[in-house]
Amino acid sequence: MSPLEESGCSHSVALEINELVQFLTELSVCDYYFTTRKPSSIGLGALLTTFDRFDEVTLPLRVRLTFLDLVHYTIDPFSKEVQECKDRLCKTYSQHTGYYQQQSEWGRCSPNCVANLEPSCQMHCDRNLRNNME
């Protein structure tokens, strides 16, 4: 059982959360900002960003608080670094909502689409990849 489910989160909601967290952590790879951040801070920042995307009915406050209580012994969810990662991921996600798995300019398709977000997000990552290749 995952810590989310231990906190009272339903299995189906936990799967949705995990999918979006995976997408956000993959998105962080496209942003140089995260190279100096701890992976645990990025991961928890992605999780907190994901929590904000769910309403109170789907992910009750009691579940969120119970989860934070479980993890605070390992990492402080209110630390400056975690909050900075959360803010940066939230901003990036908000700018690029709506990503759909599609072919890139090079004609390749990603085999793993982890979220339904807009094409602008894929274009952002593709642009960063091209810039790094030049």
Protein backbone atom coordinates (compact mmCIF):
# COMPACT_ATOMS: atom_id res chain seq x y z
CA MET A 1 0.00 0.00 0.00
CA SER A 2 1.34 3.42 -0.95
CA PRO A 3 1.66 6.25 1.58
CA LEU A 4 -1.19 7.99 -0.25
CA GLU A 5 -3.47 5.00 0.27
CA GLU A 6 -2.27 4.68 3.87
CA SER A 7 -3.47 8.27 4.29
CA GLY A 8 -6.97 7.30 3.18
CA CYS A 9 -6.72 8.10 -0.54
CA SER A 10 -8.67 5.79 -2.84
CA HIS A 11 -6.65 3.52 -5.11
CA SER A 12 -8.01 5.15 -8.30
CA VAL A 13 -7.19 8.68 -7.10
CA ALA A 14 -3.73 7.52 -5.97
CA LEU A 15 -3.11 6.22 -9.50
CA GLU A 16 -4.17 9.56 -11.00
CA ILE A 17 -1.91 11.40 -8.57
CA ASN A 18 1.03 9.12 -9.37
CA GLU A 19 0.53 9.67 -13.10
CA LEU A 20 0.55 13.45 -12.80
CA VAL A 21 3.49 13.41 -10.37
CA GLN A 22 5.44 11.31 -12.88
CA PHE A 23 4.62 13.79 -15.62
CA LEU A 24 5.69 16.77 -13.49
CA THR A 25 8.98 15.15 -12.49
CA GLU A 26 9.65 14.36 -16.16
CA LEU A 27 8.79 17.96 -17.01
CA SER A 28 11.31 19.18 -14.43
CA VAL A 29 14.08 17.57 -16.51
CA CYS A 30 13.39 20.17 -19.21
CA ASP A 31 14.12 23.01 -16.78
CA TYR A 32 17.72 23.80 -15.81
CA TYR A 33 16.42 25.37 -12.60
CA PHE A 34 15.97 21.92 -11.07
CA THR A 35 19.58 20.78 -11.54
CA THR A 36 20.57 22.31 -8.21
CA ARG A 37 17.56 20.95 -6.31
CA LYS A 38 17.37 17.69 -4.37
CA PRO A 39 15.41 14.96 -6.17
CA SER A 40 13.30 14.48 -3.03
CA SER A 41 12.38 18.18 -3.04
CA ILE A 42 11.38 17.99 -6.71
CA GLY A 43 9.34 14.85 -6.08
CA LEU A 44 7.51 16.28 -3.08
CA GLY A 45 7.03 19.59 -4.91
CA ALA A 46 5.45 17.64 -7.78
CA LEU A 47 3.20 15.82 -5.34
CA LEU A 48 2.08 19.04 -3.64
CA THR A 49 1.44 20.62 -7.05
CA THR A 50 -0.68 17.62 -7.95
CA PHE A 51 -2.64 17.87 -4.70
CA ASP A 52 -3.66 21.40 -5.73
CA ARG A 53 -5.22 20.02 -8.93
CA PHE A 54 -7.77 17.91 -7.04
CA ASP A 55 -10.92 19.24 -5.40
CA GLU A 56 -11.87 18.65 -1.77
CA VAL A 57 -14.33 15.87 -2.68
CA THR A 58 -11.84 13.85 -4.75
CA LEU A 59 -8.90 14.39 -2.39
CA PRO A 60 -10.18 15.44 1.05
CA LEU A 61 -8.13 17.76 3.24
CA ARG A 62 -7.93 15.04 5.89
CA VAL A 63 -6.12 12.75 3.39
CA ARG A 64 -3.69 15.51 2.41
CA LEU A 65 -2.88 16.35 6.03
CA THR A 66 -2.48 12.70 6.98
CA PHE A 67 -0.07 12.20 4.07
CA LEU A 68 1.96 15.28 5.02
CA ASP A 69 2.10 14.01 8.60
CA LEU A 70 3.47 10.67 7.33
CA VAL A 71 6.23 12.21 5.19
CA HIS A 72 7.32 15.05 7.45
CA TYR A 73 9.60 12.68 9.38
CA THR A 74 11.59 12.11 6.18
CA ILE A 75 11.35 15.48 4.44
CA ASP A 76 9.85 18.80 5.48
CA PRO A 77 7.02 19.54 3.04
CA PHE A 78 7.09 23.19 4.12
CA SER A 79 10.83 23.72 3.57
CA LYS A 80 11.88 26.60 1.36
CA GLU A 81 13.34 24.28 -1.31
CA VAL A 82 10.22 22.08 -1.52
CA GLN A 83 7.97 25.13 -1.77
CA GLU A 84 10.19 26.68 -4.46
CA CYS A 85 10.05 23.43 -6.46
CA LYS A 86 6.27 23.32 -6.01
CA ASP A 87 5.90 26.93 -7.16
CA ARG A 88 8.12 26.40 -10.20
CA LEU A 89 6.34 23.18 -11.20
CA CYS A 90 2.95 24.80 -10.67
CA LYS A 91 3.92 27.72 -12.89
CA THR A 92 5.35 25.43 -15.59
CA TYR A 93 2.32 23.14 -15.48
CA SER A 94 -0.12 26.07 -15.63
CA GLN A 95 1.66 27.49 -18.67
CA HIS A 96 1.56 24.19 -20.49
CA THR A 97 -1.71 22.50 -19.59
CA GLY A 98 -3.17 20.33 -22.30
CA TYR A 99 -0.30 18.14 -23.51
CA TYR A 100 -1.33 15.39 -25.94
CA GLN A 101 0.87 12.60 -27.18
CA GLN A 102 1.75 13.63 -30.71
CA GLN A 103 4.52 13.41 -33.21
CA SER A 104 7.33 15.88 -32.77
CA GLU A 105 8.92 17.82 -35.62
CA TRP A 106 11.28 14.85 -36.10
CA GLY A 107 8.33 12.48 -36.61
CA ARG A 108 8.83 10.45 -33.43
CA CYS A 109 6.15 9.71 -30.89
CA SER A 110 6.76 9.37 -27.20
CA PRO A 111 5.94 5.79 -26.17
CA ASN A 112 4.91 6.94 -22.69
CA CYS A 113 2.28 9.64 -22.45
CA VAL A 114 1.76 10.17 -18.73
CA ALA A 115 -0.78 12.98 -18.73
CA ASN A 116 -3.29 14.70 -20.95
CA LEU A 117 -1.69 18.11 -21.30
CA GLU A 118 -1.48 20.55 -24.22
CA PRO A 119 0.89 20.36 -27.19
CA SER A 120 2.61 23.54 -25.95
CA CYS A 121 4.25 21.50 -23.18
CA GLN A 122 5.73 19.06 -25.69
CA MET A 123 6.88 22.01 -27.79
CA HIS A 124 8.60 23.47 -24.69
CA CYS A 125 10.51 20.24 -24.07
CA ASP A 126 11.31 19.81 -27.77
CA ARG A 127 12.61 23.40 -27.94
CA ASN A 128 14.87 22.80 -24.92
CA LEU A 129 16.13 19.57 -26.46
CA ARG A 130 16.93 21.29 -29.76
CA ASN A 131 18.70 24.15 -27.95
CA ASN A 132 20.82 21.66 -26.02
CA MET A 133 21.72 19.82 -29.23
CA GLU A 134 22.92 23.01 -30.99
